[in-house]
Amino acid sequence: MGPETFERLGAASTATLQNQLFIRGLRRTVIQGVLPLGHGRRNFVAEAFTLRYIPAREDLDTVESFRDPEHAQRAAIDTIPAGQALVVDSRGDGAAASAGEILMTRLAVRGCAAFVTDGSVRDSHHISEMDMPVFVGSVTPTTNLVLHHAVDFQVPIACGGVAVFPGDVLVGDPEGVVVIPRHLAEEVSRDAVEQEGLEEFLLERVRGGAPVRGTYPPTAELRAEYDAQRGARG
C-alpha cells in the first residue's frame, strides 16, 4: 500500500471505516471490548502482526519456559517489523495478562506501531504512560503463564470476535480498533474521505436547524449542492 492510503485511513474515524466495510458486506470488523489504555497517543494505522494464545497447561507453562529462545511470545516481540501492530488472540480472557511492562517497552523501542489484545496487560500504570498506543480489554496483575500458552505467531487469529489475518490493516482511535482486509484498504480509504466530507456538510446543515429527514441521508438536490461546493473548492 502506498503512503496515501495510510494517510487517508489515519484521517478517518473508526466509525466511518466500519461504515464503509459494512457497505461492502463486512459486519464483524470492530474488535469488541477493546479500548485504548491511558491518556497518551491513541490513533494508529498499521499492518497486523499476529500472536495466538491457547489455554495454559501446567506442565508446560512454568517460569522456566521463558528461557526457551523459541518461546512464541518472546519470538514474536523480537521479530515484529517496525511500523506493524502486534495483535494478540487471548480468547477474550483478561484474567491473566497478555504482556507486561518489560515486553511492552521492548515493542516500543523496536518501533511497534501499537499493541492490541482482547485480554489484558499487567503493569498497566506504567504502560499507560508509553507513547505507543495500547488497546486492551482490561488490566490485571496476573502473569500470562497462569492462563495463556503462546503457541504461534503470524497466523490467522480471532481477536475480540473478529478474524485477523497477518497483513490486515488496523486503524485505532479513542473508540476502538477496526480491522480492514488488506485488499480493501485503498478503496475504503478513498471512500472514507468522501463520506466524511459529505457528513461534515450535512452536519453544518443540522447545526443550522435542518431536520434529519431530507438531510441525512441527503436528497438528490442536497447532494448536488454538496458536489457543487466541493467542485468550487477544487
Protein backbone atom coordinates (compact mmCIF):
# COMPACT_ATOMS: atom_id res chain seq x y z
CA MET A 1 0.00 0.00 0.00
CA GLY A 2 1.12 3.50 -0.77
CA PRO A 3 1.59 6.22 1.84
CA GLU A 4 -1.54 7.97 0.57
CA THR A 5 -3.67 5.04 1.73
CA PHE A 6 -2.18 5.18 5.23
CA GLU A 7 -2.65 8.93 5.35
CA ARG A 8 -6.32 8.71 4.36
CA LEU A 9 -7.00 5.93 6.84
CA GLY A 10 -5.32 7.92 9.59
CA ALA A 11 -7.58 10.89 8.87
CA ALA A 12 -10.78 8.82 9.04
CA SER A 13 -12.61 7.74 12.19
CA THR A 14 -13.11 4.07 13.03
CA ALA A 15 -16.86 4.77 12.84
CA THR A 16 -16.53 5.89 9.22
CA LEU A 17 -14.29 2.95 8.32
CA GLN A 18 -16.69 0.49 9.92
CA ASN A 19 -19.49 2.01 7.88
CA GLN A 20 -17.52 1.62 4.65
CA LEU A 21 -16.82 -2.01 5.43
CA PHE A 22 -20.50 -2.59 6.25
CA ILE A 23 -21.44 -1.15 2.86
CA ARG A 24 -19.19 -3.83 1.34
CA GLY A 25 -20.95 -6.58 3.30
CA LEU A 26 -18.48 -6.99 6.19
CA ARG A 27 -20.30 -6.90 9.54
CA ARG A 28 -17.71 -8.05 12.11
CA THR A 29 -14.80 -5.67 11.72
CA VAL A 30 -14.57 -3.84 15.08
CA ILE A 31 -12.60 -5.67 17.80
CA GLN A 32 -15.11 -5.95 20.64
CA GLY A 33 -14.42 -4.92 24.22
CA VAL A 34 -11.11 -3.22 23.44
CA LEU A 35 -10.34 0.42 24.24
CA PRO A 36 -7.15 2.50 24.49
CA LEU A 37 -5.22 2.39 27.76
CA GLY A 38 -4.21 5.67 29.36
CA HIS A 39 -4.39 9.18 28.01
CA GLY A 40 -1.48 9.15 25.56
CA ARG A 41 -1.46 8.65 21.81
CA ARG A 42 -4.50 6.63 20.76
CA ASN A 43 -4.60 6.85 16.97
CA PHE A 44 -2.66 4.50 14.73
CA VAL A 45 -2.71 2.83 11.32
CA ALA A 46 -0.64 -0.32 10.85
CA GLU A 47 -0.46 -3.76 9.33
CA ALA A 48 -1.28 -6.62 11.69
CA PHE A 49 1.37 -8.95 13.13
CA THR A 50 -0.48 -11.70 14.99
CA LEU A 51 0.21 -13.75 18.12
CA ARG A 52 -2.02 -16.61 19.29
CA TYR A 53 -2.55 -17.94 22.80
CA ILE A 54 -4.27 -21.19 23.75
CA PRO A 55 -5.18 -22.20 27.32
CA ALA A 56 -2.16 -22.79 29.53
CA ARG A 57 -1.12 -26.26 30.64
CA GLU A 58 0.57 -26.68 33.99
CA ASP A 59 3.38 -28.98 32.83
CA LEU A 60 4.38 -26.58 30.02
CA ASP A 61 3.70 -23.08 31.26
CA THR A 62 6.23 -22.59 34.03
CA VAL A 63 8.62 -19.71 34.63
CA GLU A 64 11.38 -21.83 33.09
CA SER A 65 9.53 -21.86 29.76
CA PHE A 66 10.59 -18.23 29.22
CA ARG A 67 14.21 -19.42 28.87
CA ASP A 68 13.29 -21.13 25.61
CA PRO A 69 14.66 -18.89 22.81
CA GLU A 70 11.83 -20.11 20.57
CA HIS A 71 9.08 -19.19 23.03
CA ALA A 72 6.36 -17.85 20.72
CA GLN A 73 5.60 -14.74 22.76
CA ARG A 74 9.26 -13.73 23.04
CA ALA A 75 9.97 -14.62 19.41
CA ALA A 76 7.03 -12.52 18.18
CA ILE A 77 8.16 -9.49 20.16
CA ASP A 78 11.70 -9.75 18.82
CA THR A 79 10.51 -10.44 15.25
CA ILE A 80 7.73 -7.95 14.54
CA PRO A 81 8.90 -5.37 11.98
CA ALA A 82 8.89 -1.71 12.92
CA GLY A 83 5.67 0.03 11.97
CA GLN A 84 3.41 -3.00 12.43
CA ALA A 85 0.91 -3.62 15.25
CA LEU A 86 1.08 -6.69 17.46
CA VAL A 87 -2.42 -8.19 17.75
CA VAL A 88 -2.92 -10.87 20.39
CA ASP A 89 -5.60 -13.55 20.50
CA SER A 90 -6.13 -14.06 24.24
CA ARG A 91 -9.52 -15.71 23.70
CA GLY A 92 -11.15 -12.72 25.36
CA ASP A 93 -9.78 -13.83 28.74
CA GLY A 94 -8.31 -10.94 30.70
CA ALA A 95 -7.87 -12.80 33.99
CA ALA A 96 -4.16 -13.14 33.13
CA ALA A 97 -2.08 -10.60 31.23
CA SER A 98 -1.13 -10.83 27.58
CA ALA A 99 2.11 -8.92 28.34
CA GLY A 100 3.74 -6.64 30.90
CA GLU A 101 5.89 -3.54 31.05
CA ILE A 102 9.22 -5.09 30.03
CA LEU A 103 7.83 -6.71 26.89
CA MET A 104 5.82 -3.63 26.00
CA THR A 105 8.91 -1.49 26.39
CA ARG A 106 10.78 -3.81 24.03
CA LEU A 107 7.99 -3.39 21.47
CA ALA A 108 8.08 0.39 21.79
CA VAL A 109 11.87 0.51 21.42
CA ARG A 110 11.67 -1.65 18.28
CA GLY A 111 9.18 0.74 16.68
CA CYS A 112 5.98 -1.27 17.07
CA ALA A 113 3.04 0.86 15.93
CA ALA A 114 0.55 -0.43 18.53
CA PHE A 115 -0.37 -3.32 20.81
CA VAL A 116 -3.88 -4.78 20.70
CA THR A 117 -5.26 -7.62 22.80
CA ASP A 118 -8.74 -8.86 23.64
CA GLY A 119 -7.26 -9.78 27.02
CA SER A 120 -5.35 -7.60 29.47
CA VAL A 121 -1.93 -6.24 30.39
CA ARG A 122 -0.14 -6.04 33.73
CA ASP A 123 1.97 -3.08 34.94
CA SER A 124 -0.78 -1.01 33.36
CA HIS A 125 0.04 2.15 35.32
CA HIS A 126 3.45 2.23 33.61
CA ILE A 127 2.28 1.04 30.19
CA SER A 128 -0.40 3.74 30.13
CA GLU A 129 2.36 6.37 30.08
CA MET A 130 4.03 4.98 26.93
CA ASP A 131 3.77 6.80 23.64
CA MET A 132 2.92 3.55 21.83
CA PRO A 133 -0.88 3.09 21.54
CA VAL A 134 -2.09 0.16 23.65
CA PHE A 135 -5.62 -1.24 23.31
CA VAL A 136 -6.87 -3.74 25.89
CA GLY A 137 -9.99 -5.31 27.28
CA SER A 138 -8.90 -4.99 30.91
CA VAL A 139 -5.92 -4.88 33.27
CA THR A 140 -4.65 -7.37 35.85
CA PRO A 141 -1.54 -8.09 37.94
CA THR A 142 -1.62 -11.79 36.99
CA THR A 143 1.15 -13.16 34.74
CA ASN A 144 0.18 -14.69 31.41
CA LEU A 145 1.51 -18.17 32.28
CA VAL A 146 -1.40 -18.72 34.65
CA LEU A 147 -3.89 -18.92 31.78
CA HIS A 148 -2.15 -18.43 28.42
CA HIS A 149 0.17 -20.59 26.34
CA ALA A 150 1.77 -18.72 23.45
CA VAL A 151 1.57 -21.25 20.66
CA ASP A 152 2.40 -19.45 17.38
CA PHE A 153 2.54 -16.14 15.56
CA GLN A 154 1.86 -14.74 12.10
CA VAL A 155 -1.15 -16.99 11.65
CA PRO A 156 -4.85 -16.08 11.33
CA ILE A 157 -6.34 -15.36 14.75
CA ALA A 158 -9.55 -14.21 16.41
CA CYS A 159 -9.33 -11.02 18.44
CA GLY A 160 -12.44 -9.64 20.10
CA GLY A 161 -14.68 -11.69 17.84
CA VAL A 162 -13.00 -10.53 14.62
CA ALA A 163 -10.87 -12.59 12.23
CA VAL A 164 -7.43 -11.00 11.85
CA PHE A 165 -5.01 -12.18 9.20
CA PRO A 166 -1.34 -11.18 9.08
CA GLY A 167 -1.08 -8.08 6.90
CA ASP A 168 -4.64 -6.88 7.52
CA VAL A 169 -4.77 -3.15 8.18
CA LEU A 170 -5.72 -1.99 11.65
CA VAL A 171 -6.92 1.51 12.48
CA GLY A 172 -7.29 2.61 16.09
CA ASP A 173 -8.78 5.72 17.67
CA PRO A 174 -10.45 6.53 21.01
CA GLU A 175 -13.49 4.41 20.09
CA GLY A 176 -11.56 1.21 19.39
CA VAL A 177 -9.89 -0.77 16.60
CA VAL A 178 -11.28 -1.67 13.19
CA VAL A 179 -9.81 -4.44 11.00
CA ILE A 180 -9.65 -3.81 7.24
CA PRO A 181 -8.85 -6.65 4.84
CA ARG A 182 -5.68 -5.59 3.06
CA HIS A 183 -7.13 -5.82 -0.45
CA LEU A 184 -9.90 -3.36 0.50
CA ALA A 185 -7.74 -0.79 2.27
CA GLU A 186 -7.14 1.54 -0.66
CA GLU A 187 -10.75 1.82 -1.86
CA VAL A 188 -12.06 2.04 1.71
CA SER A 189 -9.64 4.89 2.44
CA ARG A 190 -10.81 6.85 -0.62
CA ASP A 191 -14.50 6.38 0.13
CA ALA A 192 -13.98 7.20 3.81
CA VAL A 193 -12.60 10.61 2.88
CA GLU A 194 -15.63 11.20 0.63
CA GLN A 195 -18.06 10.08 3.35
CA GLU A 196 -16.56 12.36 5.99
CA GLY A 197 -16.56 15.33 3.64
CA LEU A 198 -20.25 14.82 2.89
CA GLU A 199 -21.12 14.24 6.55
CA GLU A 200 -19.39 17.45 7.60
CA PHE A 201 -21.50 19.31 5.03
CA LEU A 202 -24.67 17.66 6.37
CA LEU A 203 -23.65 18.28 9.97
CA GLU A 204 -23.42 22.00 9.28
CA ARG A 205 -26.98 21.87 7.92
CA VAL A 206 -28.23 20.11 11.06
CA ARG A 207 -26.41 22.61 13.27
CA GLY A 208 -28.23 25.31 11.35
CA GLY A 209 -31.62 23.80 12.18
CA ALA A 210 -32.26 21.43 9.27
CA PRO A 211 -34.36 18.33 10.11
CA VAL A 212 -32.91 14.86 9.77
CA ARG A 213 -35.48 13.88 7.15
CA GLY A 214 -34.32 15.13 3.79
CA THR A 215 -30.85 15.88 5.15
CA TYR A 216 -29.45 12.57 6.38
CA PRO A 217 -29.36 10.80 4.01
CA PRO A 218 -29.33 13.78 1.64
CA THR A 219 -31.83 14.33 -1.11
CA ALA A 220 -30.57 14.40 -4.69
CA GLU A 221 -30.79 18.20 -4.63
CA LEU A 222 -28.77 18.49 -1.44
CA ARG A 223 -26.17 16.09 -2.76
CA ALA A 224 -25.91 18.17 -5.93
CA GLU A 225 -25.34 21.27 -3.80
CA TYR A 226 -22.54 19.50 -1.92
CA ASP A 227 -20.93 18.37 -5.18
CA ALA A 228 -21.08 21.93 -6.50
CA GLN A 229 -19.42 23.31 -3.36
CA ARG A 230 -16.75 20.63 -3.48
CA GLY A 231 -16.07 21.40 -7.13
CA ALA A 232 -15.78 25.11 -6.34
CA ARG A 233 -13.17 24.31 -3.69
CA GLY A 234 -11.23 22.22 -6.19
